[in-house]
Structure formats: structure tokens, C-alpha cells
Amino acid sequence: MEELMESTRAHLAGQVYQPSVLPHSYASTCSTTISAIDLATGYNDEETKVIKETRKIFEDDRIAVGVTCVRVPVLRAHSEAITFECEHPISEDEVRAILSEAPE
């Protein structure tokens, strides 16, 4: 967080900032290159973690998961956008009803 604050100050002042935590300054820049990309899968480490964790939570190694992780330069936030496909058509209201009864 300190590096983000320092790099943001430098960016706003028009100064060059030499990062030490990440390989490049990410002030005012969204980045998908959080970690090395596995050439066999096309996913980076964070994306692979999401895939594995999703399969673990649902106890289903066959579940198909497509993930894009993007680092956004903010101090405190977390966001997810989820798109899923079902075997049979289902309405938004049906999904909401199912989720409202799901354990927390």
C-alpha cells in the first residue's frame, strides 16, 4: 500500500517512480500481469488459485472456470464479476431464490 501511495504521488507530480515491490509502477494502471503466466494454461498464479479454490468449494474438479484477475490501483477494495452458464435455462429470479437460501 505504501508503494501505491508513493507511486501515485509521483505520477500526479509528473515524476518517475522506481518500484521495489512490484516489477512496474501500477499507479493509474490496471494490470493483468500480476504474476508469471503459465504457458500451458494461459493463466497467471492468481487466476489458477481462483480456479482451484472454486473447484474445491464446489467439490467438483470438473467444473469449468474461466478467470481474468486484474490488479486495480486502489488502497482497500475487492471486487468480483461473475458470469456462469447452467446446464438448463434459469431466470435471474430463480438464481436469486437459490442464493438467498444458500449457507453463508
N, C-alpha and C. Protein backbone atom coordinates (compact mmCIF):
# COMPACT_ATOMS: atom_id res chain seq x y z
N MET A 1 0.82 -1.18 0.00
CA MET A 1 0.00 0.00 0.00
C MET A 1 0.87 1.25 0.00
N GLU A 2 1.98 1.18 0.72
CA GLU A 2 2.89 2.33 0.76
C GLU A 2 3.43 2.64 -0.64
N GLU A 3 3.81 1.59 -1.37
CA GLU A 3 4.34 1.80 -2.72
C GLU A 3 3.27 2.40 -3.63
N LEU A 4 2.03 1.97 -3.48
CA LEU A 4 0.96 2.54 -4.30
C LEU A 4 0.80 4.02 -3.99
N MET A 5 0.82 4.40 -2.71
CA MET A 5 0.69 5.82 -2.35
C MET A 5 1.86 6.63 -2.90
N GLU A 6 3.08 6.10 -2.74
CA GLU A 6 4.26 6.82 -3.23
C GLU A 6 4.25 6.93 -4.75
N SER A 7 3.91 5.86 -5.44
CA SER A 7 3.91 5.90 -6.90
C SER A 7 2.80 6.79 -7.43
N THR A 8 1.68 6.85 -6.71
CA THR A 8 0.59 7.74 -7.12
C THR A 8 1.00 9.20 -6.95
N ARG A 9 1.64 9.51 -5.83
CA ARG A 9 2.13 10.89 -5.63
C ARG A 9 3.10 11.28 -6.76
N ALA A 10 4.02 10.39 -7.08
CA ALA A 10 5.00 10.66 -8.14
C ALA A 10 4.29 10.82 -9.48
N HIS A 11 3.35 9.95 -9.77
CA HIS A 11 2.61 10.02 -11.04
C HIS A 11 1.89 11.36 -11.17
N LEU A 12 1.22 11.78 -10.11
CA LEU A 12 0.47 13.04 -10.14
C LEU A 12 1.40 14.25 -10.25
N ALA A 13 2.62 14.12 -9.74
CA ALA A 13 3.60 15.21 -9.81
C ALA A 13 4.41 15.17 -11.11
N GLY A 14 4.12 14.18 -11.96
CA GLY A 14 4.85 14.05 -13.22
C GLY A 14 6.26 13.55 -13.05
N GLN A 15 6.51 12.83 -11.94
CA GLN A 15 7.85 12.33 -11.65
C GLN A 15 7.94 10.83 -11.98
N VAL A 16 9.14 10.39 -12.23
CA VAL A 16 9.39 8.96 -12.46
C VAL A 16 9.48 8.28 -11.11
N TYR A 17 8.88 7.11 -10.99
CA TYR A 17 8.93 6.36 -9.74
C TYR A 17 9.53 4.99 -10.02
N GLN A 18 10.51 4.59 -9.23
CA GLN A 18 11.14 3.28 -9.37
C GLN A 18 10.52 2.33 -8.35
N PRO A 19 9.68 1.40 -8.79
CA PRO A 19 9.02 0.49 -7.85
C PRO A 19 10.00 -0.51 -7.25
N SER A 20 9.67 -1.00 -6.05
CA SER A 20 10.50 -2.03 -5.42
C SER A 20 9.70 -3.28 -5.06
N VAL A 21 8.39 -3.15 -4.91
CA VAL A 21 7.55 -4.30 -4.54
C VAL A 21 7.11 -5.06 -5.78
N LEU A 22 6.55 -4.35 -6.73
CA LEU A 22 6.11 -4.96 -7.99
C LEU A 22 7.12 -4.63 -9.09
N PRO A 23 7.10 -5.37 -10.18
CA PRO A 23 8.10 -5.13 -11.24
C PRO A 23 7.90 -3.82 -11.99
N HIS A 24 6.71 -3.20 -11.86
CA HIS A 24 6.45 -1.93 -12.54
C HIS A 24 5.49 -1.11 -11.69
N SER A 25 5.51 0.19 -11.87
CA SER A 25 4.60 1.06 -11.14
C SER A 25 3.19 0.83 -11.63
N TYR A 26 2.25 0.69 -10.71
CA TYR A 26 0.88 0.47 -11.16
C TYR A 26 -0.05 1.61 -10.79
N ALA A 27 0.50 2.77 -10.45
CA ALA A 27 -0.34 3.94 -10.22
C ALA A 27 -1.05 4.30 -11.51
N SER A 28 -2.36 4.43 -11.46
CA SER A 28 -3.21 4.79 -12.60
C SER A 28 -3.18 3.77 -13.73
N THR A 29 -2.83 2.52 -13.42
CA THR A 29 -2.76 1.48 -14.44
C THR A 29 -3.37 0.18 -13.94
N CYS A 30 -4.29 -0.39 -14.69
CA CYS A 30 -4.79 -1.73 -14.38
C CYS A 30 -3.87 -2.72 -15.05
N SER A 31 -3.62 -3.84 -14.38
CA SER A 31 -2.68 -4.80 -14.93
C SER A 31 -3.18 -6.22 -14.73
N THR A 32 -3.06 -7.03 -15.77
CA THR A 32 -3.40 -8.45 -15.64
C THR A 32 -2.15 -9.28 -15.39
N THR A 33 -1.01 -8.66 -15.48
CA THR A 33 0.25 -9.40 -15.29
C THR A 33 0.69 -9.34 -13.84
N ILE A 34 -0.12 -9.91 -12.96
CA ILE A 34 0.17 -9.92 -11.54
C ILE A 34 1.34 -10.86 -11.26
N SER A 35 1.39 -11.94 -11.99
CA SER A 35 2.44 -12.94 -11.81
C SER A 35 2.73 -13.58 -13.16
N ALA A 36 3.69 -14.47 -13.16
CA ALA A 36 4.06 -15.15 -14.41
C ALA A 36 2.87 -15.92 -14.98
N ILE A 37 2.79 -15.96 -16.29
CA ILE A 37 1.71 -16.67 -16.96
C ILE A 37 2.18 -18.08 -17.31
N ASP A 38 1.38 -19.05 -16.95
CA ASP A 38 1.65 -20.45 -17.28
C ASP A 38 1.35 -20.63 -18.76
N LEU A 39 2.35 -20.90 -19.54
CA LEU A 39 2.17 -21.01 -20.99
C LEU A 39 1.26 -22.18 -21.38
N ALA A 40 1.18 -23.20 -20.54
CA ALA A 40 0.32 -24.35 -20.85
C ALA A 40 -1.16 -24.02 -20.70
N THR A 41 -1.50 -23.16 -19.70
CA THR A 41 -2.90 -22.85 -19.44
C THR A 41 -3.30 -21.45 -19.88
N GLY A 42 -2.33 -20.55 -19.93
CA GLY A 42 -2.62 -19.15 -20.26
C GLY A 42 -3.05 -18.33 -19.05
N TYR A 43 -3.04 -18.95 -17.87
CA TYR A 43 -3.45 -18.25 -16.65
C TYR A 43 -2.23 -17.87 -15.81
N ASN A 44 -2.37 -16.77 -15.04
CA ASN A 44 -1.31 -16.42 -14.09
C ASN A 44 -1.61 -17.11 -12.75
N ASP A 45 -0.74 -16.94 -11.77
CA ASP A 45 -0.88 -17.63 -10.48
C ASP A 45 -2.20 -17.30 -9.78
N GLU A 46 -2.58 -16.03 -9.78
CA GLU A 46 -3.81 -15.63 -9.10
C GLU A 46 -5.03 -16.29 -9.76
N GLU A 47 -5.03 -16.32 -11.08
CA GLU A 47 -6.15 -16.94 -11.80
C GLU A 47 -6.21 -18.44 -11.53
N THR A 48 -5.07 -19.08 -11.48
CA THR A 48 -5.02 -20.51 -11.18
C THR A 48 -5.55 -20.79 -9.78
N LYS A 49 -5.24 -19.91 -8.83
CA LYS A 49 -5.75 -20.06 -7.47
C LYS A 49 -7.28 -19.98 -7.44
N VAL A 50 -7.84 -19.05 -8.20
CA VAL A 50 -9.31 -18.91 -8.25
C VAL A 50 -9.94 -20.18 -8.81
N ILE A 51 -9.36 -20.72 -9.86
CA ILE A 51 -9.88 -21.95 -10.47
C ILE A 51 -9.85 -23.09 -9.46
N LYS A 52 -8.71 -23.28 -8.81
CA LYS A 52 -8.57 -24.37 -7.84
C LYS A 52 -9.51 -24.19 -6.66
N GLU A 53 -9.61 -22.97 -6.15
CA GLU A 53 -10.46 -22.70 -4.99
C GLU A 53 -11.94 -22.91 -5.33
N THR A 54 -12.35 -22.49 -6.52
CA THR A 54 -13.74 -22.70 -6.95
C THR A 54 -14.07 -24.18 -6.99
N ARG A 55 -13.19 -24.96 -7.56
CA ARG A 55 -13.41 -26.41 -7.65
C ARG A 55 -13.42 -27.05 -6.26
N LYS A 56 -12.58 -26.53 -5.37
CA LYS A 56 -12.53 -27.04 -4.00
C LYS A 56 -13.83 -26.73 -3.26
N ILE A 57 -14.29 -25.49 -3.36
CA ILE A 57 -15.52 -25.07 -2.68
C ILE A 57 -16.72 -25.89 -3.15
N PHE A 58 -16.82 -26.09 -4.45
CA PHE A 58 -17.95 -26.84 -5.01
C PHE A 58 -17.72 -28.35 -5.03
N GLU A 59 -16.54 -28.76 -4.55
CA GLU A 59 -16.18 -30.18 -4.51
C GLU A 59 -16.41 -30.85 -5.86
N ASP A 60 -15.93 -30.19 -6.92
CA ASP A 60 -16.14 -30.69 -8.28
C ASP A 60 -14.95 -30.29 -9.14
N ASP A 61 -14.06 -31.22 -9.40
CA ASP A 61 -12.88 -30.94 -10.22
C ASP A 61 -13.22 -30.77 -11.70
N ARG A 62 -14.45 -31.10 -12.08
CA ARG A 62 -14.86 -31.00 -13.48
C ARG A 62 -15.44 -29.63 -13.82
N ILE A 63 -15.72 -28.83 -12.80
CA ILE A 63 -16.36 -27.54 -13.06
C ILE A 63 -15.45 -26.68 -13.94
N ALA A 64 -16.03 -26.14 -15.01
CA ALA A 64 -15.26 -25.30 -15.94
C ALA A 64 -15.22 -23.88 -15.40
N VAL A 65 -14.03 -23.33 -15.26
CA VAL A 65 -13.86 -21.99 -14.72
C VAL A 65 -12.96 -21.21 -15.65
N GLY A 66 -13.41 -20.04 -16.06
CA GLY A 66 -12.58 -19.12 -16.83
C GLY A 66 -12.39 -17.87 -16.00
N VAL A 67 -11.15 -17.44 -15.82
CA VAL A 67 -10.85 -16.36 -14.88
C VAL A 67 -9.93 -15.33 -15.51
N THR A 68 -10.19 -14.07 -15.21
CA THR A 68 -9.25 -13.00 -15.51
C THR A 68 -9.09 -12.18 -14.24
N CYS A 69 -7.89 -12.14 -13.68
CA CYS A 69 -7.60 -11.33 -12.50
C CYS A 69 -6.91 -10.06 -12.94
N VAL A 70 -7.39 -8.95 -12.44
CA VAL A 70 -6.83 -7.65 -12.79
C VAL A 70 -6.50 -6.89 -11.52
N ARG A 71 -5.27 -6.44 -11.42
CA ARG A 71 -4.87 -5.61 -10.29
C ARG A 71 -5.25 -4.17 -10.62
N VAL A 72 -6.03 -3.57 -9.71
CA VAL A 72 -6.51 -2.20 -9.87
C VAL A 72 -5.87 -1.37 -8.78
N PRO A 73 -5.30 -0.22 -9.11
CA PRO A 73 -4.56 0.56 -8.12
C PRO A 73 -5.46 1.33 -7.15
N VAL A 74 -5.97 0.61 -6.15
CA VAL A 74 -6.74 1.21 -5.07
C VAL A 74 -6.18 0.69 -3.75
N LEU A 75 -6.39 1.43 -2.68
CA LEU A 75 -5.81 1.03 -1.40
C LEU A 75 -6.56 -0.10 -0.72
N ARG A 76 -7.86 -0.01 -0.67
CA ARG A 76 -8.62 -1.04 0.04
C ARG A 76 -9.91 -1.35 -0.72
N ALA A 77 -9.89 -2.42 -1.46
CA ALA A 77 -11.11 -2.83 -2.16
C ALA A 77 -10.92 -4.22 -2.73
N HIS A 78 -12.03 -4.88 -2.96
CA HIS A 78 -12.02 -6.18 -3.61
C HIS A 78 -13.33 -6.27 -4.38
N SER A 79 -13.25 -6.74 -5.58
CA SER A 79 -14.44 -6.82 -6.41
C SER A 79 -14.39 -8.08 -7.26
N GLU A 80 -15.55 -8.61 -7.55
CA GLU A 80 -15.63 -9.77 -8.43
C GLU A 80 -16.78 -9.57 -9.40
N ALA A 81 -16.59 -9.98 -10.61
CA ALA A 81 -17.65 -10.03 -11.60
C ALA A 81 -17.74 -11.49 -12.03
N ILE A 82 -18.90 -12.07 -11.88
CA ILE A 82 -19.05 -13.50 -12.14
C ILE A 82 -20.09 -13.72 -13.23
N THR A 83 -19.73 -14.53 -14.20
CA THR A 83 -20.64 -14.97 -15.23
C THR A 83 -20.64 -16.49 -15.19
N PHE A 84 -21.80 -17.10 -15.20
CA PHE A 84 -21.83 -18.56 -15.18
C PHE A 84 -22.89 -19.07 -16.15
N GLU A 85 -22.65 -20.26 -16.61
CA GLU A 85 -23.59 -20.92 -17.50
C GLU A 85 -24.15 -22.14 -16.79
N CYS A 86 -25.44 -22.37 -16.97
CA CYS A 86 -26.09 -23.52 -16.35
C CYS A 86 -26.43 -24.56 -17.42
N GLU A 87 -26.59 -25.77 -16.95
CA GLU A 87 -26.93 -26.86 -17.87
C GLU A 87 -28.29 -26.63 -18.53
N HIS A 88 -29.24 -26.04 -17.76
CA HIS A 88 -30.58 -25.75 -18.27
C HIS A 88 -30.87 -24.27 -18.05
N PRO A 89 -31.69 -23.66 -18.90
CA PRO A 89 -32.01 -22.24 -18.71
C PRO A 89 -32.57 -21.97 -17.30
N ILE A 90 -32.18 -20.83 -16.74
CA ILE A 90 -32.64 -20.45 -15.41
C ILE A 90 -32.79 -18.92 -15.39
N SER A 91 -33.82 -18.44 -14.73
CA SER A 91 -34.06 -16.99 -14.70
C SER A 91 -33.26 -16.34 -13.57
N GLU A 92 -33.11 -15.04 -13.65
CA GLU A 92 -32.41 -14.30 -12.58
C GLU A 92 -33.13 -14.48 -11.26
N ASP A 93 -34.47 -14.46 -11.28
CA ASP A 93 -35.23 -14.62 -10.04
C ASP A 93 -35.00 -16.00 -9.42
N GLU A 94 -34.89 -17.03 -10.25
CA GLU A 94 -34.62 -18.37 -9.73
C GLU A 94 -33.23 -18.43 -9.09
N VAL A 95 -32.26 -17.80 -9.71
CA VAL A 95 -30.91 -17.76 -9.16
C VAL A 95 -30.92 -17.04 -7.82
N ARG A 96 -31.59 -15.89 -7.77
CA ARG A 96 -31.66 -15.13 -6.51
C ARG A 96 -32.31 -15.96 -5.39
N ALA A 97 -33.36 -16.70 -5.74
CA ALA A 97 -34.05 -17.53 -4.75
C ALA A 97 -33.11 -18.62 -4.23
N ILE A 98 -32.37 -19.26 -5.12
CA ILE A 98 -31.43 -20.30 -4.70
C ILE A 98 -30.35 -19.71 -3.80
N LEU A 99 -29.78 -18.57 -4.21
CA LEU A 99 -28.71 -17.95 -3.43
C LEU A 99 -29.20 -17.44 -2.08
N SER A 100 -30.45 -17.00 -2.02
CA SER A 100 -30.97 -16.48 -0.74
C SER A 100 -31.08 -17.57 0.32
N GLU A 101 -31.15 -18.82 -0.11
CA GLU A 101 -31.24 -19.94 0.83
C GLU A 101 -29.90 -20.64 1.04
N ALA A 102 -28.89 -20.19 0.35
CA ALA A 102 -27.55 -20.82 0.45
C ALA A 102 -26.90 -20.43 1.79
N PRO A 103 -26.14 -21.36 2.37
CA PRO A 103 -25.43 -21.01 3.61
C PRO A 103 -24.39 -19.94 3.35
N GLU A 104 -24.13 -19.14 4.38
CA GLU A 104 -23.15 -18.05 4.23
C GLU A 104 -21.76 -18.54 4.44
